[in-house]
Amino acid sequence: MKEDWDRIAIIIAGGIGERFWPLSRLLRPKQLLPFGPGGATLLEDTVKRIKPLIPPESIYIVTGRMLQEPIRAAGLAVPADNVIAEPARRNTAGALVFASSYLLARRGGVAREAILAILPADHLIEDAEAFRADVSIAMDVVAERGGLAVIGIPPARPETGYGYIELAEEDARNVEDETTPTALRVAAFKEKPDAGTASRYATSGRHFWNSGMFFWRMNDFLDELRTAAPDHFNVVEPLALALREEKEEEAKSLFERLEDISIDYVLMERARKVWMIPAAFYWDDMGAWDSLRRAGEMDAEGNVALGDSIRVDTRDCIVVNDAGGEAISVALVGVEGLTVVVTDDGVLVSRTNRVQDVREAVKLLKEKGSPHV
């Protein structure tokens, strides 16, 4: 089938999602967990959501070497060859350098004119039609006006776990106006704030959550990268040549020179021309177990339960029995605000307001040499 090189989706799927231990593992990371609609995996739902807009042959999934085969075996509606593996882990900046080099190696200069949609694999998004409408706007904006674009999420609460986008003051004044342009100018990207700053951001009308969904013409991306991150830019062409000539060790050596850093830090915070499209759909980062309180169905006591469990005088808890009721019985009595997750070889018990720290437990388990991480 002929590939459409006008618009391409790059799905970033290299993360492990350690905060979802013990369900998330090296070979079954967060994006392969059934947290999507109807029990679909988050990655499956990401592909399904973008597919009506971009054909499967123009959808690429960038992941790590250990995950390439599990993702290819997941039955996704993309060609197996479009699941591409980075030589090493170098965060989102590295993933996008690799994806750009891969497209240049595969298609040469034609790929430079492609409009790219960069999509994380592990987000929960409701209203797929509204999502595609916003993606279309973002891709049209960068095609017509140049620069880079990001989808911004109107903040639903003071959130200290997300980065923020700050709008240019003139655009922010009219953000609620129906005549506001669909693409707004970005003044700055802000780091994850403290609680007081997050409260101010949530009500300012000028700050939006950074969704991590980016859009650009490849040439514009490379131009910005040349200025903002020359060390990354200088790897793109040599890496493309090594990939084209199938020189695996040379490609690995080039890629390993890159700093392990996110695209937000290395590029978006330094880019000269960035547009923001306000999201018209529900979005959740699905960063840790407490995400299920927002995404799952609660019972009358505020509990979210997946799998078989018994709850007596229990409120505001998250209970996951992945092992199944026939393998193990799980019961909570007289507790509140806990997250309890049971698999066939691991148990997590945490206060729900501490689930961001689960990765610290995973770190200690690794140091201990546990086979269950």
Protein backbone atom coordinates (compact mmCIF):
# COMPACT_ATOMS: atom_id res chain seq x y z
CA MET A 1 0.00 0.00 0.00
CA LYS A 2 1.33 3.45 -0.88
CA GLU A 3 2.33 5.49 2.15
CA ASP A 4 0.96 8.98 2.73
CA TRP A 5 3.99 11.08 3.58
CA ASP A 6 2.00 14.27 4.01
CA ARG A 7 0.86 13.56 7.59
CA ILE A 8 2.39 11.05 9.96
CA ALA A 9 1.67 10.04 13.57
CA ILE A 10 4.55 9.16 15.89
CA ILE A 11 3.35 7.36 19.04
CA ILE A 12 5.87 7.42 21.88
CA ALA A 13 5.62 4.09 23.71
CA GLY A 14 8.95 3.47 25.41
CA GLY A 15 8.05 4.08 29.05
CA ILE A 16 7.69 1.43 31.73
CA GLY A 17 5.20 3.07 34.08
CA GLU A 18 6.80 1.93 37.33
CA ARG A 19 4.16 3.74 39.39
CA PHE A 20 1.68 1.06 38.27
CA TRP A 21 3.66 -1.76 39.88
CA PRO A 22 2.91 -4.60 40.56
CA LEU A 23 0.68 -4.69 37.46
CA SER A 24 3.19 -2.88 35.26
CA ARG A 25 6.38 -4.81 34.42
CA LEU A 26 9.33 -4.49 32.06
CA LEU A 27 7.54 -6.49 29.36
CA ARG A 28 4.04 -5.28 30.23
CA PRO A 29 4.35 -1.55 30.80
CA LYS A 30 1.60 0.95 31.47
CA GLN A 31 0.71 1.42 27.80
CA LEU A 32 -0.06 -2.32 27.50
CA LEU A 33 -2.37 -2.39 30.52
CA PRO A 34 -6.16 -2.59 29.95
CA PHE A 35 -6.99 0.89 31.22
CA GLY A 36 -8.60 2.12 28.01
CA PRO A 37 -12.31 2.10 27.11
CA GLY A 38 -13.87 -1.35 27.15
CA GLY A 39 -10.73 -2.93 28.56
CA ALA A 40 -8.53 -1.94 25.60
CA THR A 41 -4.89 -1.17 26.32
CA LEU A 42 -3.92 2.49 26.37
CA LEU A 43 -1.69 1.96 23.32
CA GLU A 44 -4.46 0.17 21.44
CA ASP A 45 -6.81 3.03 22.20
CA THR A 46 -4.22 5.58 21.04
CA VAL A 47 -3.89 3.85 17.67
CA LYS A 48 -7.66 3.47 17.31
CA ARG A 49 -8.20 7.14 18.14
CA ILE A 50 -5.81 8.55 15.51
CA LYS A 51 -6.46 5.94 12.79
CA PRO A 52 -9.48 7.65 11.16
CA LEU A 53 -7.31 10.73 10.66
CA ILE A 54 -3.99 9.13 9.66
CA PRO A 55 -3.83 5.77 7.82
CA PRO A 56 -2.18 2.82 9.61
CA GLU A 57 0.78 2.75 7.22
CA SER A 58 1.60 6.32 8.33
CA ILE A 59 1.40 5.54 12.06
CA TYR A 60 4.73 4.71 13.73
CA ILE A 61 5.27 3.45 17.26
CA VAL A 62 8.65 4.26 18.84
CA THR A 63 9.64 2.03 21.73
CA GLY A 64 12.57 0.27 23.35
CA ARG A 65 14.17 -2.93 22.11
CA MET A 66 12.68 -5.05 24.89
CA LEU A 67 9.18 -3.87 24.05
CA GLN A 68 9.34 -4.06 20.26
CA GLU A 69 8.19 -7.67 20.00
CA PRO A 70 5.52 -7.47 22.77
CA ILE A 71 4.03 -4.43 21.00
CA ARG A 72 4.20 -6.13 17.59
CA ALA A 73 2.42 -9.12 19.14
CA ALA A 74 -0.32 -6.94 20.65
CA GLY A 75 -2.47 -7.06 17.51
CA LEU A 76 -2.44 -3.33 16.84
CA ALA A 77 -3.78 -2.00 13.55
CA VAL A 78 -0.37 -0.84 12.28
CA PRO A 79 2.21 -2.70 10.16
CA ALA A 80 4.73 -4.63 12.25
CA ASP A 81 7.60 -2.79 10.54
CA ASN A 82 6.17 0.49 11.85
CA VAL A 83 6.99 -0.54 15.42
CA ILE A 84 10.54 0.77 15.62
CA ALA A 85 13.01 0.33 18.47
CA GLU A 86 15.49 2.89 19.75
CA PRO A 87 19.01 1.55 20.35
CA ALA A 88 18.93 2.82 23.97
CA ARG A 89 16.72 4.78 26.35
CA ARG A 90 17.19 8.52 25.86
CA ASN A 91 13.83 9.97 26.93
CA THR A 92 11.42 11.74 24.59
CA ALA A 93 14.06 13.98 22.98
CA GLY A 94 16.01 10.89 21.96
CA ALA A 95 12.86 9.12 20.77
CA LEU A 96 12.00 12.01 18.46
CA VAL A 97 15.54 12.30 17.09
CA PHE A 98 15.41 8.57 16.36
CA ALA A 99 11.98 8.78 14.72
CA SER A 100 13.08 11.70 12.55
CA SER A 101 16.26 9.90 11.49
CA TYR A 102 14.28 6.75 10.75
CA LEU A 103 11.83 8.62 8.50
CA LEU A 104 14.69 10.37 6.70
CA ALA A 105 16.44 7.02 6.22
CA ARG A 106 13.27 5.44 4.87
CA ARG A 107 12.09 8.24 2.61
CA GLY A 108 14.88 10.79 2.28
CA GLY A 109 14.09 14.44 1.70
CA VAL A 110 10.36 13.86 1.14
CA ALA A 111 9.98 13.19 4.87
CA ARG A 112 11.23 16.71 5.67
CA GLU A 113 7.95 18.14 4.41
CA ALA A 114 5.75 15.76 6.41
CA ILE A 115 3.52 17.15 9.16
CA LEU A 116 4.06 15.07 12.30
CA ALA A 117 1.68 14.43 15.19
CA ILE A 118 3.59 13.33 18.29
CA LEU A 119 1.31 11.37 20.63
CA PRO A 120 2.08 9.68 23.97
CA ALA A 121 0.85 6.09 24.18
CA ASP A 122 -0.45 6.17 27.75
CA HIS A 123 -3.11 8.88 27.95
CA LEU A 124 -6.80 8.39 28.58
CA ILE A 125 -8.87 10.54 26.23
CA GLU A 126 -12.64 10.68 25.94
CA ASP A 127 -14.53 12.00 22.89
CA ALA A 128 -12.31 10.74 20.08
CA GLU A 129 -14.06 12.96 17.53
CA ALA A 130 -13.25 16.12 19.48
CA PHE A 131 -9.66 14.86 19.84
CA ARG A 132 -9.33 14.37 16.08
CA ALA A 133 -10.82 17.81 15.44
CA ASP A 134 -8.18 19.42 17.68
CA VAL A 135 -5.40 17.35 16.11
CA SER A 136 -6.54 18.47 12.66
CA ILE A 137 -6.45 22.09 13.77
CA ALA A 138 -2.94 21.69 15.19
CA MET A 139 -1.62 20.02 12.03
CA ASP A 140 -3.24 22.67 9.82
CA VAL A 141 -1.74 25.46 11.94
CA VAL A 142 1.84 24.23 11.64
CA ALA A 143 1.34 23.45 7.94
CA GLU A 144 0.10 26.97 7.23
CA ARG A 145 1.97 29.13 9.75
CA GLY A 146 5.09 27.16 10.60
CA GLY A 147 6.46 26.77 14.11
CA LEU A 148 5.56 24.07 16.61
CA ALA A 149 2.19 23.37 18.25
CA VAL A 150 0.95 21.73 21.43
CA ILE A 151 -2.49 20.80 22.71
CA GLY A 152 -3.18 22.44 26.07
CA ILE A 153 -5.59 20.99 28.61
CA PRO A 154 -7.79 23.44 30.57
CA PRO A 155 -6.83 22.69 34.20
CA ALA A 156 -9.56 20.88 36.12
CA ARG A 157 -7.81 21.23 39.49
CA PRO A 158 -4.57 22.53 41.02
CA GLU A 159 -2.17 19.81 39.82
CA THR A 160 1.45 19.66 40.94
CA GLY A 161 2.27 16.59 38.85
CA TYR A 162 1.94 18.24 35.42
CA GLY A 163 3.92 20.83 33.53
CA TYR A 164 2.00 23.94 32.41
CA ILE A 165 1.78 26.09 29.30
CA GLU A 166 1.57 29.85 29.79
CA LEU A 167 -0.23 31.77 27.07
CA ALA A 168 0.88 35.11 25.73
CA GLU A 169 -0.96 37.77 27.76
CA GLU A 170 -2.87 39.23 24.82
CA ASP A 171 -4.26 35.83 23.78
CA ALA A 172 -5.03 34.85 27.38
CA ARG A 173 -7.29 37.87 27.85
CA ASN A 174 -9.77 36.54 25.33
CA VAL A 175 -9.37 32.80 25.88
CA GLU A 176 -13.04 32.45 26.88
CA ASP A 177 -14.27 34.50 23.93
CA GLU A 178 -15.94 32.57 21.11
CA THR A 179 -13.95 34.70 18.65
CA THR A 180 -10.62 33.63 20.15
CA PRO A 181 -8.32 32.16 17.47
CA THR A 182 -8.12 28.36 17.49
CA ALA A 183 -4.33 28.63 17.84
CA LEU A 184 -2.98 30.76 20.68
CA ARG A 185 0.57 31.96 21.14
CA VAL A 186 2.65 30.34 23.87
CA ALA A 187 4.71 32.63 26.09
CA ALA A 188 6.44 29.97 28.18
CA PHE A 189 6.45 26.40 29.44
CA LYS A 190 6.41 26.06 33.22
CA GLU A 191 7.88 23.28 35.36
CA LYS A 192 5.75 21.19 37.69
CA PRO A 193 4.67 23.77 40.30
CA ASP A 194 4.33 23.69 44.07
CA ALA A 195 0.81 23.60 45.52
CA GLY A 196 0.42 27.36 45.86
CA THR A 197 1.59 28.05 42.33
CA ALA A 198 -0.64 25.27 40.97
CA SER A 199 -3.64 26.91 42.67
CA ARG A 200 -2.84 30.21 40.96
CA TYR A 201 -2.35 28.50 37.60
CA ALA A 202 -5.67 26.65 37.87
CA THR A 203 -7.66 29.89 38.05
CA SER A 204 -5.51 32.27 36.02
CA GLY A 205 -7.15 31.61 32.63
CA ARG A 206 -3.64 31.87 31.21
CA HIS A 207 -2.22 28.48 32.15
CA PHE A 208 -3.02 25.06 30.67
CA TRP A 209 -1.71 21.59 31.40
CA ASN A 210 0.95 20.45 28.98
CA SER A 211 -0.52 17.36 27.29
CA GLY A 212 2.76 16.27 25.70
CA MET A 213 1.03 16.11 22.29
CA PHE A 214 3.15 18.05 19.81
CA PHE A 215 2.85 18.90 16.11
CA TRP A 216 5.28 20.22 13.51
CA ARG A 217 6.59 19.99 9.99
CA MET A 218 9.81 17.99 10.24
CA ASN A 219 11.84 20.79 8.66
CA ASP A 220 10.57 23.25 11.29
CA PHE A 221 11.37 20.78 14.06
CA LEU A 222 14.92 20.37 12.75
CA ASP A 223 15.38 24.14 12.41
CA GLU A 224 14.32 24.70 16.01
CA LEU A 225 16.43 21.77 17.18
CA ARG A 226 19.52 23.21 15.43
CA THR A 227 19.25 26.34 17.57
CA ALA A 228 17.91 24.93 20.83
CA ALA A 229 19.79 21.62 21.05
CA PRO A 230 22.70 21.40 18.58
CA ASP A 231 24.00 18.19 20.17
CA HIS A 232 20.72 16.49 19.29
CA PHE A 233 20.46 18.13 15.88
CA ASN A 234 23.97 17.04 14.91
CA VAL A 235 23.05 13.38 15.42
CA VAL A 236 20.01 13.37 13.08
CA GLU A 237 21.70 13.17 9.66
CA PRO A 238 24.54 10.77 10.62
CA LEU A 239 22.00 8.53 12.39
CA ALA A 240 19.74 8.58 9.32
CA LEU A 241 22.70 7.53 7.16
CA ALA A 242 23.64 4.71 9.53
CA LEU A 243 20.04 3.47 9.59
CA ARG A 244 19.77 3.70 5.80
CA GLU A 245 22.96 1.63 5.41
CA GLU A 246 21.85 -0.77 8.20
CA LYS A 247 24.97 -0.10 10.27
CA GLU A 248 23.46 -1.09 13.58
CA GLU A 249 26.50 -0.61 15.81
CA GLU A 250 27.26 2.80 14.32
CA ALA A 251 23.63 3.85 14.83
CA LYS A 252 23.76 2.66 18.44
CA SER A 253 27.02 4.52 19.08
CA LEU A 254 25.63 7.76 17.63
CA PHE A 255 22.38 7.50 19.56
CA GLU A 256 24.07 6.76 22.90
CA ARG A 257 25.83 10.13 22.71
CA LEU A 258 22.53 11.89 23.34
CA GLU A 259 21.64 13.26 26.73
CA ASP A 260 18.76 11.49 28.49
CA ILE A 261 16.33 14.43 28.55
CA SER A 262 12.72 15.21 27.64
CA ILE A 263 11.69 17.13 24.53
CA ASP A 264 10.00 19.70 26.80
CA TYR A 265 13.32 20.71 28.38
CA VAL A 266 15.56 20.41 25.34
CA LEU A 267 13.28 22.03 22.75
CA MET A 268 9.79 23.26 23.68
CA GLU A 269 10.97 25.58 26.46
CA ARG A 270 13.48 27.17 24.06
CA ALA A 271 11.51 27.18 20.80
CA ARG A 272 10.93 30.57 19.19
CA LYS A 273 7.45 30.04 17.76
CA VAL A 274 4.94 27.80 19.53
CA TRP A 275 1.16 27.65 19.17
CA MET A 276 -1.32 26.12 21.63
CA ILE A 277 -4.67 24.58 20.73
CA PRO A 278 -7.02 24.38 23.77
CA ALA A 279 -8.38 20.85 24.12
CA ALA A 280 -12.11 20.29 23.71
CA PHE A 281 -11.95 16.75 25.12
CA TYR A 282 -11.42 15.02 28.47
CA TRP A 283 -7.80 14.03 29.10
CA ASP A 284 -5.92 12.22 31.85
CA ASP A 285 -2.23 11.44 32.05
CA MET A 286 -2.80 8.06 33.77
CA GLY A 287 0.42 8.63 35.69
CA ALA A 288 -0.21 6.48 38.77
CA TRP A 289 -2.85 4.39 40.53
CA ASP A 290 -4.78 7.45 41.72
CA SER A 291 -5.69 8.07 38.04
CA LEU A 292 -8.25 5.28 38.41
CA ARG A 293 -10.25 7.45 40.79
CA ARG A 294 -10.78 9.87 37.92
CA ALA A 295 -11.10 7.29 35.14
CA GLY A 296 -12.87 4.37 36.81
CA GLU A 297 -16.40 3.82 38.11
CA MET A 298 -16.85 4.46 41.83
CA ASP A 299 -19.27 2.64 44.10
CA ALA A 300 -21.46 4.47 46.62
CA GLU A 301 -18.57 4.63 49.10
CA GLY A 302 -16.14 6.15 46.61
CA ASN A 303 -14.22 2.93 45.96
CA VAL A 304 -12.87 1.91 42.56
CA ALA A 305 -12.53 -1.86 42.17
CA LEU A 306 -11.06 -3.91 39.33
CA GLY A 307 -11.31 -7.65 39.67
CA ASP A 308 -12.84 -9.61 42.56
CA SER A 309 -12.67 -8.15 46.09
CA ILE A 310 -14.69 -7.75 49.28
CA ARG A 311 -14.99 -4.32 50.92
CA VAL A 312 -16.52 -3.89 54.39
CA ASP A 313 -16.88 -0.40 55.87
CA THR A 314 -14.33 0.75 53.32
CA ARG A 315 -14.30 4.17 51.68
CA ASP A 316 -12.34 6.01 48.99
CA CYS A 317 -10.10 3.06 48.16
CA ILE A 318 -8.67 1.64 44.95
CA VAL A 319 -8.69 -2.17 44.88
CA VAL A 320 -7.24 -4.22 42.02
CA ASN A 321 -7.23 -8.02 42.06
CA ASP A 322 -5.40 -8.97 38.88
CA ALA A 323 -4.80 -12.54 40.09
CA GLY A 324 -8.56 -13.22 40.09
CA GLY A 325 -10.97 -14.40 42.75
CA GLU A 326 -10.27 -18.08 42.09
CA ALA A 327 -6.55 -17.61 42.73
CA ILE A 328 -6.71 -15.30 45.74
CA SER A 329 -9.36 -13.60 47.87
CA VAL A 330 -8.88 -9.91 48.62
CA ALA A 331 -10.77 -8.19 51.44
CA LEU A 332 -10.57 -4.68 52.89
CA VAL A 333 -12.20 -3.94 56.25
CA GLY A 334 -12.60 -0.63 58.04
CA VAL A 335 -10.12 1.38 55.96
CA GLU A 336 -10.18 4.45 53.74
CA GLY A 337 -7.89 6.20 51.32
CA LEU A 338 -5.85 3.09 50.47
CA THR A 339 -4.69 1.59 47.19
CA VAL A 340 -4.38 -2.21 47.24
CA VAL A 341 -3.15 -4.06 44.16
CA VAL A 342 -2.71 -7.84 44.04
CA THR A 343 -1.14 -9.87 41.24
CA ASP A 344 0.01 -13.48 41.22
CA ASP A 345 3.49 -12.46 42.38
CA GLY A 346 3.19 -9.03 43.98
CA VAL A 347 1.15 -7.00 46.46
CA LEU A 348 1.04 -3.23 46.84
CA VAL A 349 -0.54 -1.46 49.80
CA SER A 350 -0.23 2.32 49.82
CA ARG A 351 -2.10 5.38 50.90
CA THR A 352 -3.61 6.68 47.70
CA ASN A 353 -2.08 10.10 48.26
CA ARG A 354 1.35 8.43 48.18
CA VAL A 355 1.07 6.32 45.02
CA GLN A 356 3.43 8.69 43.19
CA ASP A 357 6.14 7.14 45.39
CA VAL A 358 5.55 3.57 44.20
CA ARG A 359 8.54 3.91 41.87
CA GLU A 360 10.73 4.27 44.99
CA ALA A 361 9.54 0.84 46.12
CA VAL A 362 10.31 -0.53 42.65
CA LYS A 363 13.81 0.96 42.88
CA LEU A 364 14.40 -0.83 46.19
CA LEU A 365 13.05 -4.10 44.80
CA LYS A 366 15.48 -3.83 41.89
CA GLU A 367 18.37 -3.17 44.27
CA LYS A 368 17.32 -6.21 46.24
CA GLY A 369 17.41 -8.30 43.07
CA SER A 370 13.70 -9.08 43.05
CA PRO A 371 12.54 -11.05 39.97
CA HIS A 372 9.08 -9.45 40.25
CA VAL A 373 9.67 -5.99 38.73
